[in-house]
Amino acid sequence: MSKKKPNSLSIATRAIHGNKLYPYKGPVSLPIYQTSTYRFESSEDAVRYAKGDESVLVYTRYHNPTVNEVEDRLAVIEGAEAATLFASGMAAISTAIFAAVKSGEEIISTPALYGGTYRFFRDELPKLNIAVKYVDPDNLGSLLKLITSKTRVVYFETPTNPTLNIVDIAELVRYTRQAEKKFGHSITIMIDNTFASILNQNPFAFGVDAILESATKYLGGHSDIMSGAVIGTKDFIKKVKHGMKYFGGCADPMAAYLLYRSLKTFELRVQRQNENAMALAKALEKNKRVSRVIYPGLPSHPKHKTARKQMSGFGGMVTIEVKPSKKLLPVEAAAKVCDSLRVAINAMSLGGVDTLVSIPVYSSHIFMSDEELEKHGVTPGMIRISVGVEGIDDLIADFEQALAVI
């Protein structure tokens, strides 16, 4: 076992042991270095650090042993050269973008994005003279026309939030690389892999350059930390870490430790969430008060074949549209259902062991225009369900009783 490379082992083993597959003396559980700064043996340590010796610990905004261990663990889990940890998913996204794009350059993205990412692209990047253009995920060949000499990043999510559309990763990479050759400069392909997680989808296998994740979600899995991660090559992560020092979105040691603790059960949790989500989606398809169930694992999903091609599991997210009653508008019917649930919790997050529900037009996509909602595929009667690990019979019964009130 000790002679095996970490990436030849299962994700479960990597998540528990990282790359320390050899006998050594030390604690079984990772210590928490709850400190902001570090003692120098002599002033020469400061000089060594200034000259680039990263083994010298200086300040936790720069590096911290607990955080560093979790970063190494994430890189091993995801089969990458390096990773860096942030205080939130948005800190990870924004810092990664700024590591790859500067003023006067541009990003091309698929339109269906997490609301925070979309508003960052729409409202903040134009202030810095960074343009964002959008490609139709059903016509990825148009990348060949959209990509220009100014394009530095192609950005996407799959499955998308909250509509669970599927973007063909291999096709997106293929067209981006064709355009890259035309213009003779590198384009960084970034994916927000939060909804799938590495257990269900490995974007690196298709040629993606960098994975971004809100580690608050499936990696953390208990709705008790804020964290984000960027995973990729050593060269790119070095640029991202450089930006992190100055933007200040560094991870806290205690949050890093809680993430480390959660990673030990990562595979167990996500596998159960996959199973529960599939069973709940099938049950809801039969409910007369539901007009549509969106789940990549269902044959009724329009991109089911693509999902099967690039996903090893279909994730824990299910989105439904409820049928309005004569007395209730679609969004009112959705709210009535969410307010009537007893096992599932009405809360704005995802990926945890508790089943959570939210209404996109009241949460991630609030204050978007009708045109923007249409572009994102979001409707007023949608309910996004983050399926947890509760007993599946309890969950199905809970949704059935809640839907019966409309």
Protein backbone atom coordinates (compact mmCIF):
# COMPACT_ATOMS: atom_id res chain seq x y z
CA MET A 1 0.00 0.00 0.00
CA SER A 2 2.75 2.47 0.92
CA LYS A 3 4.31 2.16 -2.53
CA LYS A 4 1.16 3.20 -4.34
CA LYS A 5 0.81 6.71 -5.68
CA PRO A 6 -2.08 8.57 -3.98
CA ASN A 7 -3.97 9.03 -7.26
CA SER A 8 -4.08 5.26 -7.80
CA LEU A 9 -6.14 4.91 -4.63
CA SER A 10 -9.85 5.53 -4.14
CA ILE A 11 -11.16 8.99 -3.33
CA ALA A 12 -12.26 7.68 0.08
CA THR A 13 -8.70 6.60 0.95
CA ARG A 14 -7.20 9.82 -0.40
CA ALA A 15 -9.68 11.91 1.59
CA ILE A 16 -8.79 10.12 4.83
CA HIS A 17 -5.01 9.77 4.42
CA GLY A 18 -3.93 12.33 1.83
CA ASN A 19 -0.45 11.53 0.53
CA LYS A 20 0.92 10.33 3.87
CA LEU A 21 0.85 6.65 2.98
CA TYR A 22 3.81 5.58 5.11
CA PRO A 23 4.59 4.93 8.80
CA TYR A 24 5.49 8.01 10.85
CA LYS A 25 5.19 9.31 14.40
CA GLY A 26 2.57 11.93 15.00
CA PRO A 27 -1.04 12.62 15.88
CA VAL A 28 -3.80 10.73 14.11
CA SER A 29 -5.90 13.91 13.95
CA LEU A 30 -4.58 17.13 12.39
CA PRO A 31 -3.53 19.76 14.97
CA ILE A 32 -5.14 23.19 14.76
CA TYR A 33 -2.52 25.93 14.52
CA GLN A 34 -4.76 28.65 15.91
CA THR A 35 -2.24 31.44 15.60
CA SER A 36 -1.97 34.61 13.57
CA THR A 37 1.84 34.78 13.60
CA TYR A 38 4.93 32.65 14.25
CA ARG A 39 8.12 32.88 16.30
CA PHE A 40 11.44 33.21 14.52
CA GLU A 41 14.43 31.30 15.79
CA SER A 42 16.49 34.26 14.63
CA SER A 43 16.06 37.30 12.40
CA GLU A 44 17.70 35.29 9.64
CA ASP A 45 14.35 33.49 9.25
CA ALA A 46 12.77 36.72 8.04
CA VAL A 47 15.55 37.13 5.49
CA ARG A 48 15.11 33.55 4.28
CA TYR A 49 11.39 34.11 3.80
CA ALA A 50 11.97 37.35 1.90
CA LYS A 51 14.27 35.44 -0.44
CA GLY A 52 11.52 32.93 -1.20
CA ASP A 53 11.92 30.15 1.37
CA GLU A 54 8.29 29.13 1.87
CA SER A 55 9.18 26.71 4.67
CA VAL A 56 9.56 29.72 6.96
CA LEU A 57 6.23 30.41 8.67
CA VAL A 58 5.51 34.12 9.02
CA TYR A 59 1.83 35.03 9.15
CA THR A 60 -1.37 33.02 8.79
CA ARG A 61 -2.67 35.19 5.95
CA TYR A 62 0.31 33.86 3.99
CA HIS A 63 0.33 30.26 5.20
CA ASN A 64 -0.61 28.09 8.14
CA PRO A 65 0.26 24.41 8.83
CA THR A 66 -3.37 23.37 9.31
CA VAL A 67 -4.49 25.16 6.18
CA ASN A 68 -1.52 23.86 4.20
CA GLU A 69 -2.32 20.25 5.14
CA VAL A 70 -5.93 20.63 3.98
CA GLU A 71 -4.78 22.24 0.72
CA ASP A 72 -2.48 19.27 0.10
CA ARG A 73 -5.34 16.91 0.94
CA LEU A 74 -7.66 18.62 -1.56
CA ALA A 75 -5.02 18.42 -4.30
CA VAL A 76 -4.59 14.69 -3.65
CA ILE A 77 -8.35 14.05 -3.58
CA GLU A 78 -8.90 15.86 -6.88
CA GLY A 79 -5.82 14.50 -8.63
CA ALA A 80 -4.14 17.87 -9.08
CA GLU A 81 -0.70 19.34 -8.52
CA ALA A 82 -1.81 21.93 -5.98
CA ALA A 83 -4.74 23.64 -4.28
CA THR A 84 -5.36 26.72 -2.20
CA LEU A 85 -8.04 27.30 0.41
CA PHE A 86 -10.14 30.43 0.89
CA ALA A 87 -12.55 31.90 3.41
CA SER A 88 -15.49 31.45 1.00
CA GLY A 89 -16.41 30.18 -2.42
CA MET A 90 -16.71 33.72 -3.79
CA ALA A 91 -13.24 34.59 -2.47
CA ALA A 92 -11.93 31.58 -4.39
CA ILE A 93 -13.79 32.52 -7.59
CA SER A 94 -12.86 36.20 -7.60
CA THR A 95 -9.19 35.59 -6.75
CA ALA A 96 -8.86 32.88 -9.40
CA ILE A 97 -10.40 35.20 -12.01
CA PHE A 98 -8.01 38.02 -11.12
CA ALA A 99 -5.09 35.59 -11.36
CA ALA A 100 -5.97 34.88 -15.00
CA VAL A 101 -7.48 38.11 -16.36
CA LYS A 102 -6.46 41.75 -16.26
CA SER A 103 -7.97 45.02 -17.41
CA GLY A 104 -8.68 45.10 -21.14
CA GLU A 105 -9.09 41.34 -21.40
CA GLU A 106 -12.21 39.21 -21.42
CA ILE A 107 -13.98 36.13 -20.12
CA ILE A 108 -16.40 33.89 -21.97
CA SER A 109 -18.90 32.07 -19.79
CA THR A 110 -21.97 29.95 -20.04
CA PRO A 111 -24.99 32.03 -18.92
CA ALA A 112 -26.45 29.82 -16.19
CA LEU A 113 -24.32 30.57 -13.13
CA TYR A 114 -24.55 30.79 -9.39
CA GLY A 115 -26.20 34.15 -8.69
CA GLY A 116 -23.18 35.53 -6.81
CA THR A 117 -20.85 34.67 -9.69
CA TYR A 118 -23.23 36.13 -12.25
CA ARG A 119 -23.53 39.42 -10.35
CA PHE A 120 -19.75 39.56 -9.89
CA PHE A 121 -19.37 39.18 -13.65
CA ARG A 122 -22.19 41.62 -14.41
CA ASP A 123 -21.61 44.36 -11.84
CA GLU A 124 -17.99 44.29 -10.68
CA LEU A 125 -15.77 43.17 -13.57
CA PRO A 126 -16.93 45.95 -15.95
CA LYS A 127 -15.65 48.51 -13.40
CA LEU A 128 -12.21 47.03 -14.00
CA ASN A 129 -12.58 46.99 -17.80
CA ILE A 130 -12.92 43.21 -17.89
CA ALA A 131 -15.61 42.12 -20.33
CA VAL A 132 -17.75 39.00 -20.03
CA LYS A 133 -19.43 37.39 -23.03
CA TYR A 134 -21.80 34.43 -22.91
CA VAL A 135 -21.86 31.30 -25.02
CA ASP A 136 -24.95 29.18 -25.62
CA PRO A 137 -24.22 25.82 -23.93
CA ASP A 138 -26.29 24.12 -26.62
CA ASN A 139 -24.07 25.62 -29.33
CA LEU A 140 -20.53 25.37 -28.00
CA GLY A 141 -19.14 25.54 -31.53
CA SER A 142 -19.88 29.28 -31.38
CA LEU A 143 -16.85 29.56 -29.07
CA LEU A 144 -14.78 29.61 -32.25
CA LYS A 145 -16.40 32.94 -33.13
CA LEU A 146 -16.72 34.37 -29.64
CA ILE A 147 -13.12 33.80 -28.55
CA THR A 148 -10.82 36.65 -29.53
CA SER A 149 -7.24 37.70 -28.91
CA LYS A 150 -8.46 39.27 -25.64
CA THR A 151 -10.01 36.09 -24.23
CA ARG A 152 -8.14 34.73 -21.23
CA VAL A 153 -10.73 32.59 -19.43
CA VAL A 154 -13.56 30.27 -20.43
CA TYR A 155 -15.73 29.75 -17.36
CA PHE A 156 -18.65 27.40 -16.75
CA GLU A 157 -20.67 25.32 -14.30
CA THR A 158 -22.12 21.89 -14.81
CA PRO A 159 -24.60 20.93 -13.52
CA THR A 160 -25.80 24.51 -13.45
CA ASN A 161 -27.37 26.33 -10.52
CA PRO A 162 -30.33 25.94 -10.06
CA THR A 163 -31.62 24.52 -13.33
CA LEU A 164 -29.26 21.51 -13.40
CA ASN A 165 -28.50 21.92 -17.09
CA ILE A 166 -25.51 19.91 -18.31
CA VAL A 167 -22.64 21.44 -20.26
CA ASP A 168 -20.62 19.03 -22.39
CA ILE A 169 -17.15 19.41 -20.85
CA ALA A 170 -15.26 17.61 -23.62
CA GLU A 171 -16.88 19.73 -26.32
CA LEU A 172 -16.22 22.99 -24.47
CA VAL A 173 -12.55 22.06 -24.01
CA ARG A 174 -12.19 20.95 -27.64
CA TYR A 175 -13.50 24.20 -29.11
CA THR A 176 -11.54 26.33 -26.65
CA ARG A 177 -8.28 24.59 -27.54
CA GLN A 178 -8.99 25.06 -31.24
CA ALA A 179 -9.41 28.78 -30.71
CA GLU A 180 -6.33 28.88 -28.49
CA LYS A 181 -4.21 27.60 -31.39
CA LYS A 182 -5.67 30.24 -33.68
CA PHE A 183 -4.65 33.14 -31.45
CA GLY A 184 -1.46 31.64 -30.06
CA HIS A 185 -2.05 32.34 -26.38
CA SER A 186 -3.23 30.20 -23.50
CA ILE A 187 -6.82 30.29 -22.27
CA THR A 188 -7.57 29.08 -18.75
CA ILE A 189 -10.63 26.85 -18.65
CA MET A 190 -12.27 27.10 -15.22
CA ILE A 191 -15.18 25.09 -13.88
CA ASP A 192 -17.25 25.61 -10.78
CA ASN A 193 -17.59 21.94 -9.81
CA THR A 194 -19.51 22.57 -6.58
CA PHE A 195 -22.76 20.86 -7.56
CA ALA A 196 -21.13 17.65 -8.79
CA SER A 197 -18.03 17.50 -6.57
CA ILE A 198 -14.99 15.45 -7.56
CA LEU A 199 -16.75 12.26 -6.47
CA ASN A 200 -19.31 12.58 -9.27
CA GLN A 201 -17.33 14.41 -11.93
CA ASN A 202 -13.62 14.79 -12.72
CA PRO A 203 -13.17 17.81 -15.01
CA PHE A 204 -9.39 17.34 -15.16
CA ALA A 205 -9.97 14.10 -17.08
CA PHE A 206 -11.52 16.21 -19.87
CA GLY A 207 -8.74 18.83 -19.99
CA VAL A 208 -10.09 21.57 -17.72
CA ASP A 209 -7.31 23.70 -16.20
CA ALA A 210 -8.74 24.75 -12.85
CA ILE A 211 -11.52 23.55 -10.57
CA LEU A 212 -13.27 25.99 -8.25
CA GLU A 213 -15.50 24.82 -5.43
CA SER A 214 -17.45 26.29 -2.60
CA ALA A 215 -16.03 23.98 0.07
CA THR A 216 -18.87 25.23 2.27
CA LYS A 217 -21.04 22.78 0.36
CA TYR A 218 -20.31 19.08 -0.32
CA LEU A 219 -16.68 19.12 0.78
CA GLY A 220 -17.65 20.63 4.14
CA GLY A 221 -21.00 18.91 4.17
CA HIS A 222 -22.36 20.01 7.56
CA SER A 223 -23.52 23.62 7.03
CA ASP A 224 -21.07 24.84 9.67
CA ILE A 225 -18.14 26.41 7.80
CA MET A 226 -17.45 28.95 5.07
CA SER A 227 -14.70 27.93 2.69
CA GLY A 228 -13.69 27.88 -0.95
CA ALA A 229 -11.00 26.15 -2.95
CA VAL A 230 -9.10 26.52 -6.20
CA ILE A 231 -7.40 23.40 -7.54
CA GLY A 232 -5.03 23.20 -10.49
CA THR A 233 -1.40 23.30 -11.61
CA LYS A 234 1.39 24.49 -9.33
CA ASP A 235 2.05 27.49 -11.58
CA PHE A 236 -1.57 28.65 -11.57
CA ILE A 237 -2.07 28.05 -7.85
CA LYS A 238 1.08 30.07 -7.16
CA LYS A 239 -0.53 33.02 -8.96
CA VAL A 240 -3.79 32.52 -7.07
CA LYS A 241 -2.01 32.38 -3.71
CA HIS A 242 -0.13 35.56 -4.56
CA GLY A 243 -3.45 37.31 -5.13
CA MET A 244 -4.90 35.85 -1.94
CA LYS A 245 -2.20 37.54 0.14
CA TYR A 246 -3.37 40.97 -1.03
CA PHE A 247 -7.10 40.44 -1.44
CA GLY A 248 -7.11 38.84 1.99
CA GLY A 249 -9.53 35.97 1.47
CA CYS A 250 -7.39 33.45 3.36
CA ALA A 251 -8.86 30.46 5.18
CA ASP A 252 -9.16 30.40 8.96
CA PRO A 253 -7.31 27.50 10.68
CA MET A 254 -10.39 26.35 12.59
CA ALA A 255 -12.52 26.27 9.42
CA ALA A 256 -9.71 24.40 7.67
CA TYR A 257 -9.66 21.82 10.46
CA LEU A 258 -13.42 21.33 10.27
CA LEU A 259 -13.09 20.84 6.52
CA TYR A 260 -10.31 18.29 7.10
CA ARG A 261 -12.62 16.46 9.52
CA SER A 262 -15.47 16.50 7.00
CA LEU A 263 -13.33 15.13 4.19
CA LYS A 264 -12.98 11.86 6.06
CA THR A 265 -16.67 11.14 5.44
CA PHE A 266 -16.89 12.89 2.06
CA GLU A 267 -17.44 9.75 -0.04
CA LEU A 268 -19.94 8.23 2.39
CA ARG A 269 -22.03 11.40 2.54
CA VAL A 270 -22.09 12.16 -1.17
CA GLN A 271 -22.87 8.58 -2.16
CA ARG A 272 -25.87 8.61 0.19
CA GLN A 273 -26.95 11.99 -1.20
CA ASN A 274 -26.74 10.60 -4.75
CA GLU A 275 -28.95 7.66 -3.78
CA ASN A 276 -31.48 9.80 -1.91
CA ALA A 277 -31.67 12.38 -4.70
CA MET A 278 -32.38 9.74 -7.33
CA ALA A 279 -35.11 8.14 -5.21
CA LEU A 280 -36.71 11.49 -4.36
CA ALA A 281 -36.60 12.65 -7.99
CA LYS A 282 -38.35 9.47 -9.14
CA ALA A 283 -41.02 9.85 -6.47
CA LEU A 284 -41.64 13.52 -7.30
CA GLU A 285 -42.02 12.71 -11.00
CA LYS A 286 -45.15 10.79 -10.01
CA ASN A 287 -46.64 13.61 -7.95
CA LYS A 288 -49.54 15.36 -9.71
CA ARG A 289 -48.73 18.68 -8.04
CA VAL A 290 -45.27 18.80 -9.67
CA SER A 291 -45.14 19.96 -13.27
CA ARG A 292 -41.44 19.22 -13.83
CA VAL A 293 -38.62 17.40 -12.06
CA ILE A 294 -35.08 18.27 -13.14
CA TYR A 295 -32.40 15.75 -12.21
CA PRO A 296 -29.51 14.66 -14.48
CA GLY A 297 -29.96 11.04 -13.45
CA LEU A 298 -33.49 10.83 -14.82
CA PRO A 299 -33.99 9.68 -18.43
CA SER A 300 -36.43 12.62 -18.75
CA HIS A 301 -33.58 15.10 -18.36
CA PRO A 302 -32.80 16.54 -21.82
CA LYS A 303 -29.04 16.13 -21.28
CA HIS A 304 -29.19 12.76 -19.55
CA LYS A 305 -26.90 11.12 -22.13
CA THR A 306 -24.27 13.83 -21.71
CA ALA A 307 -24.52 13.53 -17.93
CA ARG A 308 -23.97 9.78 -18.16
CA LYS A 309 -20.91 10.38 -20.34
CA GLN A 310 -19.14 12.75 -17.95
CA MET A 311 -20.55 11.99 -14.50
CA SER A 312 -19.98 8.91 -12.36
CA GLY A 313 -22.87 9.93 -10.08
CA PHE A 314 -25.64 12.47 -10.58
CA GLY A 315 -25.34 14.48 -7.38
CA GLY A 316 -27.60 15.51 -4.56
CA MET A 317 -29.41 18.43 -6.21
CA VAL A 318 -32.98 18.14 -7.50
CA THR A 319 -35.03 21.04 -8.86
CA ILE A 320 -38.80 20.93 -9.24
CA GLU A 321 -41.50 23.23 -10.57
CA VAL A 322 -44.76 23.15 -8.70
CA LYS A 323 -48.15 23.50 -10.32
CA PRO A 324 -49.92 26.67 -9.16
CA SER A 325 -53.40 26.36 -7.75
CA LYS A 326 -56.35 28.59 -8.66
CA LYS A 327 -55.69 30.69 -5.57
CA LEU A 328 -51.89 30.82 -5.68
CA LEU A 329 -49.37 32.25 -8.11
CA PRO A 330 -46.43 29.94 -8.98
CA VAL A 331 -44.04 31.59 -6.51
CA GLU A 332 -46.75 31.57 -3.83
CA ALA A 333 -47.31 27.86 -4.37
CA ALA A 334 -43.57 27.23 -4.13
CA ALA A 335 -43.40 29.21 -0.88
CA LYS A 336 -46.38 27.32 0.53
CA VAL A 337 -44.64 24.01 -0.12
CA CYS A 338 -41.35 25.15 1.42
CA ASP A 339 -43.13 26.53 4.49
CA SER A 340 -45.03 23.25 4.98
CA LEU A 341 -42.02 20.93 5.06
CA ARG A 342 -41.14 19.35 8.42
CA VAL A 343 -38.05 17.24 7.71
CA ALA A 344 -36.51 19.35 4.96
CA ILE A 345 -35.33 22.80 6.04
CA ASN A 346 -36.15 26.08 4.30
CA ALA A 347 -32.64 27.55 4.07
CA MET A 348 -30.35 29.08 1.45
CA SER A 349 -27.46 26.69 0.98
CA LEU A 350 -26.69 23.20 -0.25
CA GLY A 351 -24.46 20.18 0.06
CA GLY A 352 -24.98 19.39 3.74
CA VAL A 353 -26.28 16.31 5.49
CA ASP A 354 -29.58 18.14 6.14
CA THR A 355 -32.03 18.40 3.25
CA LEU A 356 -32.49 22.07 2.38
CA VAL A 357 -34.95 23.79 0.05
CA SER A 358 -34.91 27.27 -1.44
CA ILE A 359 -36.80 29.27 -4.03
CA PRO A 360 -34.30 30.63 -6.58
CA VAL A 361 -36.27 33.83 -7.33
CA TYR A 362 -36.18 34.56 -3.58
CA SER A 363 -32.53 33.55 -3.08
CA SER A 364 -29.70 33.04 -5.58
CA HIS A 365 -31.56 34.80 -8.42
CA ILE A 366 -33.41 37.51 -6.49
CA PHE A 367 -33.63 40.98 -8.07
CA MET A 368 -32.83 39.66 -11.55
CA SER A 369 -34.88 40.96 -14.43
CA ASP A 370 -37.36 38.76 -16.28
CA GLU A 371 -34.92 38.70 -19.19
CA GLU A 372 -32.08 37.54 -16.95
CA LEU A 373 -34.24 34.88 -15.32
CA GLU A 374 -35.23 33.59 -18.74
CA LYS A 375 -31.57 33.47 -19.78
CA HIS A 376 -30.81 31.45 -16.66
CA GLY A 377 -33.85 29.22 -17.17
CA VAL A 378 -35.26 30.13 -13.75
CA THR A 379 -39.02 30.24 -13.21
CA PRO A 380 -41.06 31.59 -10.25
CA GLY A 381 -42.44 28.17 -9.33
CA MET A 382 -39.05 26.50 -8.97
CA ILE A 383 -37.87 24.90 -5.75
CA ARG A 384 -34.23 23.85 -5.48
CA ILE A 385 -33.73 20.83 -3.24
CA SER A 386 -30.37 19.95 -1.74
CA VAL A 387 -30.97 16.37 -0.71
CA GLY A 388 -29.37 15.25 2.54
CA VAL A 389 -28.73 11.89 4.14
CA GLU A 390 -31.98 11.43 6.07
CA GLY A 391 -34.07 8.30 5.66
CA ILE A 392 -35.41 8.41 2.12
CA ASP A 393 -38.91 7.25 3.11
CA ASP A 394 -39.09 10.17 5.55
CA LEU A 395 -38.06 12.64 2.87
CA ILE A 396 -40.52 11.35 0.29
CA ALA A 397 -43.38 11.44 2.82
CA ASP A 398 -42.41 14.97 3.86
CA PHE A 399 -42.53 16.32 0.30
CA GLU A 400 -45.78 14.52 -0.40
CA GLN A 401 -47.50 16.10 2.62
CA ALA A 402 -46.09 19.54 1.79
CA LEU A 403 -47.19 19.36 -1.85
CA ALA A 404 -50.65 18.29 -0.74
CA VAL A 405 -51.29 21.74 0.77
CA ILE A 406 -51.35 23.54 -2.60
